[in-house]
Amino acid sequence: MPRAKNMDIDVIVTRDSGSPKGVSFGLNAGHGKTHTVRFDNDHHPGIMVYFNIKDPDDTGLEFKSTPSNAVWVNSLGTGCPTTQCIWNQFLPLSVEEDSAGKKTQLIVYCRNKAVKDFAFTLWFNWPDGREVDYDPIGNGSNGPRS
């Protein structure tokens, strides 16, 4: 029986005093630091996406604890979502804690039935509770399994 493909994406957080957010972000899905992710399911029935915070500067950022608050998706590809929204092709499932009790992993199921670009926003909390966001771009690249 076919299974969903697994995909690990590192969300790299670094301190940045020049940024109004105080940090800079990047993604690494095995191809170097980027702000765009190609969700290629290799004709599996979707992708289990594991977003993992990598925090070399020890900023203390964590994913918001409720999955639907930790990722918003704009399926229209017309810009980053500005309000909470969920798309049935990119479903937030779980926020997981590491061994230290920090919320460092967000698990999302990408159905990848629509071959199109989409905008998504990842949401984090600082240790003091303030929110900060990051707006990468996703590309569903090969559609449903064959």
N, C-alpha and C. Protein backbone atom coordinates (compact mmCIF):
# COMPACT_ATOMS: atom_id res chain seq x y z
N MET A 1 0.85 -1.18 0.00
CA MET A 1 0.00 0.00 0.00
C MET A 1 0.89 1.24 0.00
N PRO A 2 0.64 2.20 -0.89
CA PRO A 2 1.44 3.43 -0.94
C PRO A 2 1.28 4.24 0.34
N ARG A 3 2.35 4.88 0.73
CA ARG A 3 2.35 5.73 1.92
C ARG A 3 2.80 7.13 1.54
N ALA A 4 2.45 8.07 2.39
CA ALA A 4 2.89 9.44 2.18
C ALA A 4 4.41 9.50 2.27
N LYS A 5 4.98 10.38 1.51
CA LYS A 5 6.42 10.61 1.54
C LYS A 5 6.73 11.48 2.77
N ASN A 6 7.86 11.27 3.42
CA ASN A 6 8.31 12.11 4.52
C ASN A 6 9.27 13.17 4.00
N MET A 7 9.15 14.38 4.54
CA MET A 7 10.02 15.49 4.15
C MET A 7 10.39 16.30 5.38
N ASP A 8 11.69 16.43 5.63
CA ASP A 8 12.18 17.25 6.73
C ASP A 8 12.63 18.60 6.19
N ILE A 9 12.17 19.66 6.84
CA ILE A 9 12.57 21.01 6.47
C ILE A 9 13.07 21.72 7.72
N ASP A 10 14.32 22.13 7.70
CA ASP A 10 14.87 22.91 8.80
C ASP A 10 14.45 24.36 8.64
N VAL A 11 13.92 24.94 9.70
CA VAL A 11 13.61 26.37 9.75
C VAL A 11 14.74 27.00 10.55
N ILE A 12 15.63 27.67 9.85
CA ILE A 12 16.84 28.22 10.47
C ILE A 12 16.54 29.63 10.98
N VAL A 13 16.76 29.82 12.28
CA VAL A 13 16.49 31.10 12.94
C VAL A 13 17.83 31.68 13.40
N THR A 14 18.15 32.90 12.97
CA THR A 14 19.37 33.56 13.43
C THR A 14 19.05 34.98 13.88
N ARG A 15 19.78 35.41 14.88
CA ARG A 15 19.60 36.79 15.37
C ARG A 15 19.97 37.76 14.27
N ASP A 16 19.22 38.87 14.18
CA ASP A 16 19.47 39.88 13.16
C ASP A 16 19.05 41.23 13.72
N SER A 17 20.00 41.97 14.24
CA SER A 17 19.68 43.27 14.86
C SER A 17 19.18 44.28 13.83
N GLY A 18 19.43 44.05 12.55
CA GLY A 18 18.96 44.95 11.50
C GLY A 18 17.53 44.69 11.06
N SER A 19 16.94 43.60 11.53
CA SER A 19 15.57 43.25 11.15
C SER A 19 14.60 43.75 12.21
N PRO A 20 13.44 44.29 11.81
CA PRO A 20 12.45 44.70 12.80
C PRO A 20 11.96 43.54 13.67
N LYS A 21 12.08 42.33 13.16
CA LYS A 21 11.67 41.15 13.92
C LYS A 21 12.74 40.70 14.91
N GLY A 22 13.97 41.18 14.71
CA GLY A 22 15.08 40.78 15.58
C GLY A 22 15.73 39.47 15.17
N VAL A 23 15.16 38.81 14.16
CA VAL A 23 15.69 37.55 13.65
C VAL A 23 15.54 37.49 12.13
N SER A 24 16.33 36.62 11.53
CA SER A 24 16.17 36.29 10.12
C SER A 24 15.85 34.81 10.04
N PHE A 25 15.16 34.43 8.97
CA PHE A 25 14.76 33.04 8.77
C PHE A 25 15.27 32.53 7.44
N GLY A 26 15.35 31.25 7.33
CA GLY A 26 15.64 30.55 6.09
C GLY A 26 15.18 29.13 6.23
N LEU A 27 15.01 28.46 5.11
CA LEU A 27 14.60 27.06 5.10
C LEU A 27 15.71 26.24 4.47
N ASN A 28 15.85 25.01 4.94
CA ASN A 28 16.78 24.10 4.32
C ASN A 28 16.09 22.75 4.20
N ALA A 29 15.78 22.40 2.97
CA ALA A 29 15.14 21.11 2.70
C ALA A 29 16.13 20.20 1.98
N GLY A 30 17.42 20.34 2.34
CA GLY A 30 18.45 19.52 1.73
C GLY A 30 19.13 20.15 0.54
N HIS A 31 18.76 21.38 0.20
CA HIS A 31 19.32 22.02 -0.99
C HIS A 31 19.92 23.39 -0.68
N GLY A 32 20.32 23.63 0.56
CA GLY A 32 20.86 24.93 0.94
C GLY A 32 19.76 25.86 1.41
N LYS A 33 20.15 26.99 1.97
CA LYS A 33 19.21 27.93 2.55
C LYS A 33 18.39 28.63 1.46
N THR A 34 17.08 28.67 1.67
CA THR A 34 16.17 29.24 0.68
C THR A 34 14.93 29.79 1.40
N HIS A 35 14.03 30.41 0.64
CA HIS A 35 12.75 30.86 1.17
C HIS A 35 11.59 30.23 0.39
N THR A 36 11.92 29.31 -0.51
CA THR A 36 10.92 28.61 -1.31
C THR A 36 11.15 27.11 -1.17
N VAL A 37 10.06 26.38 -0.99
CA VAL A 37 10.16 24.93 -0.86
C VAL A 37 9.35 24.27 -1.96
N ARG A 38 9.97 23.32 -2.61
CA ARG A 38 9.28 22.52 -3.64
C ARG A 38 8.79 21.25 -2.95
N PHE A 39 7.48 21.08 -2.91
CA PHE A 39 6.87 19.90 -2.31
C PHE A 39 6.65 18.87 -3.41
N ASP A 40 7.62 18.01 -3.59
CA ASP A 40 7.62 17.00 -4.65
C ASP A 40 7.30 15.65 -4.01
N ASN A 41 6.10 15.15 -4.24
CA ASN A 41 5.68 13.92 -3.57
C ASN A 41 6.11 12.65 -4.28
N ASP A 42 6.80 12.76 -5.40
CA ASP A 42 7.25 11.58 -6.15
C ASP A 42 6.11 10.58 -6.36
N HIS A 43 4.92 11.12 -6.56
CA HIS A 43 3.71 10.33 -6.83
C HIS A 43 3.27 9.45 -5.66
N HIS A 44 3.70 9.82 -4.45
CA HIS A 44 3.16 9.22 -3.23
C HIS A 44 1.84 9.91 -2.92
N PRO A 45 1.00 9.33 -2.06
CA PRO A 45 -0.26 10.00 -1.69
C PRO A 45 -0.01 11.10 -0.67
N GLY A 46 0.64 12.16 -1.09
CA GLY A 46 0.90 13.30 -0.23
C GLY A 46 2.26 13.22 0.47
N ILE A 47 2.49 14.23 1.29
CA ILE A 47 3.78 14.37 1.97
C ILE A 47 3.53 14.73 3.43
N MET A 48 4.19 14.02 4.33
CA MET A 48 4.22 14.41 5.74
C MET A 48 5.43 15.34 5.88
N VAL A 49 5.15 16.60 6.17
CA VAL A 49 6.21 17.61 6.24
C VAL A 49 6.53 17.88 7.71
N TYR A 50 7.80 17.78 8.04
CA TYR A 50 8.28 18.01 9.41
C TYR A 50 9.13 19.27 9.40
N PHE A 51 8.54 20.39 9.86
CA PHE A 51 9.29 21.64 10.01
C PHE A 51 10.00 21.58 11.36
N ASN A 52 11.33 21.69 11.34
CA ASN A 52 12.13 21.58 12.56
C ASN A 52 12.92 22.87 12.77
N ILE A 53 12.71 23.52 13.90
CA ILE A 53 13.45 24.75 14.20
C ILE A 53 14.90 24.40 14.49
N LYS A 54 15.80 25.10 13.80
CA LYS A 54 17.25 25.06 14.07
C LYS A 54 17.61 26.46 14.53
N ASP A 55 18.10 26.57 15.75
CA ASP A 55 18.29 27.86 16.41
C ASP A 55 19.73 28.01 16.91
N PRO A 56 20.70 28.17 15.98
CA PRO A 56 22.10 28.21 16.39
C PRO A 56 22.45 29.39 17.31
N ASP A 57 21.66 30.47 17.26
CA ASP A 57 21.90 31.64 18.11
C ASP A 57 21.13 31.59 19.42
N ASP A 58 20.42 30.49 19.66
CA ASP A 58 19.64 30.28 20.88
C ASP A 58 18.69 31.45 21.15
N THR A 59 17.87 31.77 20.14
CA THR A 59 16.89 32.85 20.28
C THR A 59 15.75 32.45 21.20
N GLY A 60 15.48 31.16 21.29
CA GLY A 60 14.38 30.67 22.13
C GLY A 60 13.04 30.63 21.42
N LEU A 61 13.00 30.96 20.12
CA LEU A 61 11.73 30.91 19.39
C LEU A 61 11.18 29.48 19.37
N GLU A 62 9.86 29.39 19.49
CA GLU A 62 9.14 28.12 19.41
C GLU A 62 7.94 28.31 18.50
N PHE A 63 7.48 27.21 17.91
CA PHE A 63 6.22 27.27 17.17
C PHE A 63 5.09 27.57 18.14
N LYS A 64 4.07 28.26 17.65
CA LYS A 64 2.85 28.44 18.45
C LYS A 64 2.30 27.05 18.75
N SER A 65 1.69 26.88 19.90
CA SER A 65 1.34 25.54 20.36
C SER A 65 0.17 24.89 19.63
N THR A 66 -0.74 25.67 19.08
CA THR A 66 -1.87 25.12 18.34
C THR A 66 -1.50 25.03 16.86
N PRO A 67 -1.55 23.84 16.25
CA PRO A 67 -1.11 23.70 14.86
C PRO A 67 -1.74 24.71 13.89
N SER A 68 -3.05 24.95 14.00
CA SER A 68 -3.70 25.89 13.07
C SER A 68 -3.28 27.34 13.31
N ASN A 69 -2.66 27.62 14.45
CA ASN A 69 -2.09 28.95 14.70
C ASN A 69 -0.63 29.02 14.28
N ALA A 70 0.01 27.86 14.11
CA ALA A 70 1.44 27.81 13.78
C ALA A 70 1.70 27.93 12.28
N VAL A 71 0.69 27.66 11.45
CA VAL A 71 0.85 27.83 10.00
C VAL A 71 -0.48 28.29 9.40
N TRP A 72 -0.39 29.35 8.58
CA TRP A 72 -1.53 29.84 7.81
C TRP A 72 -1.16 29.66 6.34
N VAL A 73 -2.15 29.42 5.49
CA VAL A 73 -1.88 29.15 4.07
C VAL A 73 -2.81 29.96 3.19
N ASN A 74 -2.23 30.60 2.16
CA ASN A 74 -3.01 31.27 1.13
C ASN A 74 -2.85 30.45 -0.14
N SER A 75 -3.87 29.75 -0.52
CA SER A 75 -3.80 28.88 -1.69
C SER A 75 -3.89 29.65 -3.01
N LEU A 76 -4.21 30.92 -2.94
CA LEU A 76 -4.38 31.71 -4.16
C LEU A 76 -3.07 32.15 -4.77
N GLY A 77 -1.97 32.05 -4.00
CA GLY A 77 -0.67 32.46 -4.51
C GLY A 77 -0.56 33.95 -4.74
N THR A 78 -1.43 34.74 -4.11
CA THR A 78 -1.44 36.19 -4.33
C THR A 78 -0.79 36.96 -3.19
N GLY A 79 -0.06 36.30 -2.37
CA GLY A 79 0.61 36.96 -1.26
C GLY A 79 0.45 36.17 0.03
N CYS A 80 1.24 36.56 1.00
CA CYS A 80 1.23 35.86 2.27
C CYS A 80 -0.09 36.11 3.00
N PRO A 81 -0.59 35.10 3.70
CA PRO A 81 -1.86 35.27 4.40
C PRO A 81 -1.73 36.30 5.53
N THR A 82 -2.75 37.13 5.65
CA THR A 82 -2.74 38.17 6.69
C THR A 82 -3.73 37.86 7.81
N THR A 83 -4.50 36.82 7.63
CA THR A 83 -5.40 36.34 8.69
C THR A 83 -5.27 34.82 8.75
N GLN A 84 -5.72 34.25 9.86
CA GLN A 84 -5.63 32.81 10.02
C GLN A 84 -6.48 32.14 8.94
N CYS A 85 -5.86 31.23 8.20
CA CYS A 85 -6.59 30.49 7.17
C CYS A 85 -5.93 29.13 6.98
N ILE A 86 -6.76 28.16 6.67
CA ILE A 86 -6.30 26.80 6.44
C ILE A 86 -6.75 26.39 5.05
N TRP A 87 -5.89 25.67 4.35
CA TRP A 87 -6.18 25.16 3.01
C TRP A 87 -6.18 23.64 3.12
N ASN A 88 -7.16 22.97 2.54
CA ASN A 88 -7.27 21.53 2.71
C ASN A 88 -6.17 20.75 1.99
N GLN A 89 -5.27 21.42 1.30
CA GLN A 89 -4.14 20.76 0.65
C GLN A 89 -2.85 20.84 1.48
N PHE A 90 -2.88 21.62 2.59
CA PHE A 90 -1.69 21.81 3.42
C PHE A 90 -2.17 21.93 4.86
N LEU A 91 -2.40 20.79 5.49
CA LEU A 91 -3.10 20.73 6.77
C LEU A 91 -2.15 20.62 7.96
N PRO A 92 -2.23 21.57 8.90
CA PRO A 92 -1.42 21.46 10.11
C PRO A 92 -1.96 20.37 11.02
N LEU A 93 -1.09 19.46 11.45
CA LEU A 93 -1.53 18.31 12.25
C LEU A 93 -1.12 18.39 13.71
N SER A 94 0.15 18.81 13.96
CA SER A 94 0.67 18.69 15.32
C SER A 94 1.86 19.61 15.53
N VAL A 95 2.00 20.09 16.76
CA VAL A 95 3.21 20.78 17.19
C VAL A 95 3.82 19.91 18.29
N GLU A 96 5.08 19.55 18.11
CA GLU A 96 5.75 18.61 19.01
C GLU A 96 6.87 19.29 19.79
N GLU A 97 7.08 18.79 21.00
CA GLU A 97 8.14 19.31 21.86
C GLU A 97 9.39 18.45 21.73
N ASP A 98 10.55 19.10 21.91
CA ASP A 98 11.81 18.37 21.96
C ASP A 98 12.05 17.86 23.38
N SER A 99 13.20 17.28 23.63
CA SER A 99 13.50 16.70 24.94
C SER A 99 13.58 17.75 26.05
N ALA A 100 13.77 19.02 25.67
CA ALA A 100 13.82 20.11 26.65
C ALA A 100 12.44 20.75 26.88
N GLY A 101 11.41 20.24 26.19
CA GLY A 101 10.06 20.77 26.35
C GLY A 101 9.76 21.97 25.47
N LYS A 102 10.63 22.28 24.50
CA LYS A 102 10.39 23.40 23.58
C LYS A 102 9.63 22.90 22.36
N LYS A 103 8.72 23.72 21.87
CA LYS A 103 7.89 23.37 20.71
C LYS A 103 8.69 23.66 19.43
N THR A 104 9.48 22.69 19.01
CA THR A 104 10.42 22.90 17.91
C THR A 104 10.07 22.16 16.63
N GLN A 105 8.94 21.46 16.61
CA GLN A 105 8.56 20.74 15.40
C GLN A 105 7.08 20.96 15.08
N LEU A 106 6.82 21.29 13.82
CA LEU A 106 5.47 21.44 13.31
C LEU A 106 5.29 20.38 12.23
N ILE A 107 4.22 19.58 12.34
CA ILE A 107 3.96 18.53 11.36
C ILE A 107 2.73 18.94 10.54
N VAL A 108 2.90 18.90 9.21
CA VAL A 108 1.86 19.31 8.27
C VAL A 108 1.71 18.20 7.22
N TYR A 109 0.47 17.94 6.82
CA TYR A 109 0.23 17.00 5.73
C TYR A 109 -0.04 17.80 4.47
N CYS A 110 0.80 17.61 3.47
CA CYS A 110 0.65 18.27 2.17
C CYS A 110 0.04 17.26 1.21
N ARG A 111 -1.21 17.48 0.83
CA ARG A 111 -1.89 16.54 -0.08
C ARG A 111 -1.26 16.57 -1.46
N ASN A 112 -0.80 17.74 -1.87
CA ASN A 112 -0.09 17.92 -3.14
C ASN A 112 -0.93 17.49 -4.34
N LYS A 113 -2.24 17.76 -4.28
CA LYS A 113 -3.10 17.47 -5.42
C LYS A 113 -3.16 18.63 -6.40
N ALA A 114 -2.80 19.81 -5.93
CA ALA A 114 -2.85 20.99 -6.79
C ALA A 114 -1.42 21.38 -7.17
N VAL A 115 -1.12 21.35 -8.44
CA VAL A 115 0.20 21.72 -8.91
C VAL A 115 0.21 23.24 -9.05
N LYS A 116 0.65 23.92 -7.96
CA LYS A 116 0.61 25.37 -7.96
C LYS A 116 1.46 25.92 -6.83
N ASP A 117 1.84 27.18 -6.95
CA ASP A 117 2.52 27.88 -5.86
C ASP A 117 1.48 28.28 -4.83
N PHE A 118 1.90 28.35 -3.58
CA PHE A 118 1.03 28.83 -2.52
C PHE A 118 1.89 29.52 -1.46
N ALA A 119 1.29 30.50 -0.82
CA ALA A 119 1.99 31.25 0.23
C ALA A 119 1.57 30.71 1.58
N PHE A 120 2.55 30.56 2.46
CA PHE A 120 2.22 30.15 3.82
C PHE A 120 3.05 30.95 4.81
N THR A 121 2.51 31.08 5.99
CA THR A 121 3.18 31.82 7.06
C THR A 121 3.36 30.89 8.25
N LEU A 122 4.58 30.82 8.74
CA LEU A 122 4.87 30.08 9.96
C LEU A 122 4.86 31.07 11.11
N TRP A 123 4.23 30.68 12.22
CA TRP A 123 4.10 31.57 13.38
C TRP A 123 4.85 30.99 14.58
N PHE A 124 5.56 31.88 15.27
CA PHE A 124 6.39 31.52 16.41
C PHE A 124 6.08 32.42 17.59
N ASN A 125 6.50 31.97 18.76
CA ASN A 125 6.46 32.79 19.97
C ASN A 125 7.88 32.96 20.50
N TRP A 126 8.17 34.18 20.94
CA TRP A 126 9.38 34.43 21.71
C TRP A 126 9.17 33.86 23.11
N PRO A 127 10.23 33.67 23.88
CA PRO A 127 10.06 33.15 25.25
C PRO A 127 9.12 34.02 26.11
N ASP A 128 9.03 35.33 25.82
CA ASP A 128 8.15 36.21 26.60
C ASP A 128 6.71 36.23 26.07
N GLY A 129 6.41 35.41 25.03
CA GLY A 129 5.06 35.31 24.52
C GLY A 129 4.77 36.16 23.29
N ARG A 130 5.64 37.11 22.94
CA ARG A 130 5.41 37.90 21.73
C ARG A 130 5.44 36.99 20.50
N GLU A 131 4.68 37.37 19.48
CA GLU A 131 4.60 36.59 18.25
C GLU A 131 5.55 37.14 17.20
N VAL A 132 6.01 36.26 16.33
CA VAL A 132 6.80 36.65 15.16
C VAL A 132 6.46 35.67 14.04
N ASP A 133 6.47 36.16 12.79
CA ASP A 133 6.09 35.32 11.67
C ASP A 133 7.20 35.24 10.64
N TYR A 134 7.08 34.24 9.77
CA TYR A 134 8.00 34.03 8.65
C TYR A 134 7.17 33.57 7.47
N ASP A 135 7.39 34.20 6.29
CA ASP A 135 6.56 33.97 5.11
C ASP A 135 7.34 33.36 3.94
N PRO A 136 7.56 32.05 3.94
CA PRO A 136 8.16 31.42 2.77
C PRO A 136 7.11 31.13 1.69
N ILE A 137 7.53 30.53 0.60
CA ILE A 137 6.64 30.16 -0.51
C ILE A 137 6.74 28.66 -0.73
N GLY A 138 5.60 28.03 -1.01
CA GLY A 138 5.59 26.60 -1.31
C GLY A 138 5.19 26.36 -2.75
N ASN A 139 5.67 25.25 -3.29
CA ASN A 139 5.33 24.86 -4.64
C ASN A 139 4.95 23.39 -4.64
N GLY A 140 3.68 23.11 -4.90
CA GLY A 140 3.22 21.72 -5.08
C GLY A 140 3.57 21.33 -6.50
N SER A 141 4.58 20.48 -6.66
CA SER A 141 5.20 20.37 -7.97
C SER A 141 4.74 19.23 -8.87
N ASN A 142 4.15 18.17 -8.34
CA ASN A 142 3.79 17.11 -9.29
C ASN A 142 2.43 16.47 -9.06
N GLY A 143 1.63 17.03 -8.23
CA GLY A 143 0.25 16.60 -8.13
C GLY A 143 0.03 15.23 -7.52
N PRO A 144 -1.15 14.66 -7.74
CA PRO A 144 -1.52 13.41 -7.07
C PRO A 144 -0.71 12.22 -7.55
N ARG A 145 -0.75 11.16 -6.76
CA ARG A 145 -0.02 9.95 -7.13
C ARG A 145 -0.57 9.39 -8.43
N SER A 146 0.27 8.65 -9.09
CA SER A 146 -0.18 8.05 -10.37
C SER A 146 -0.61 6.62 -10.16
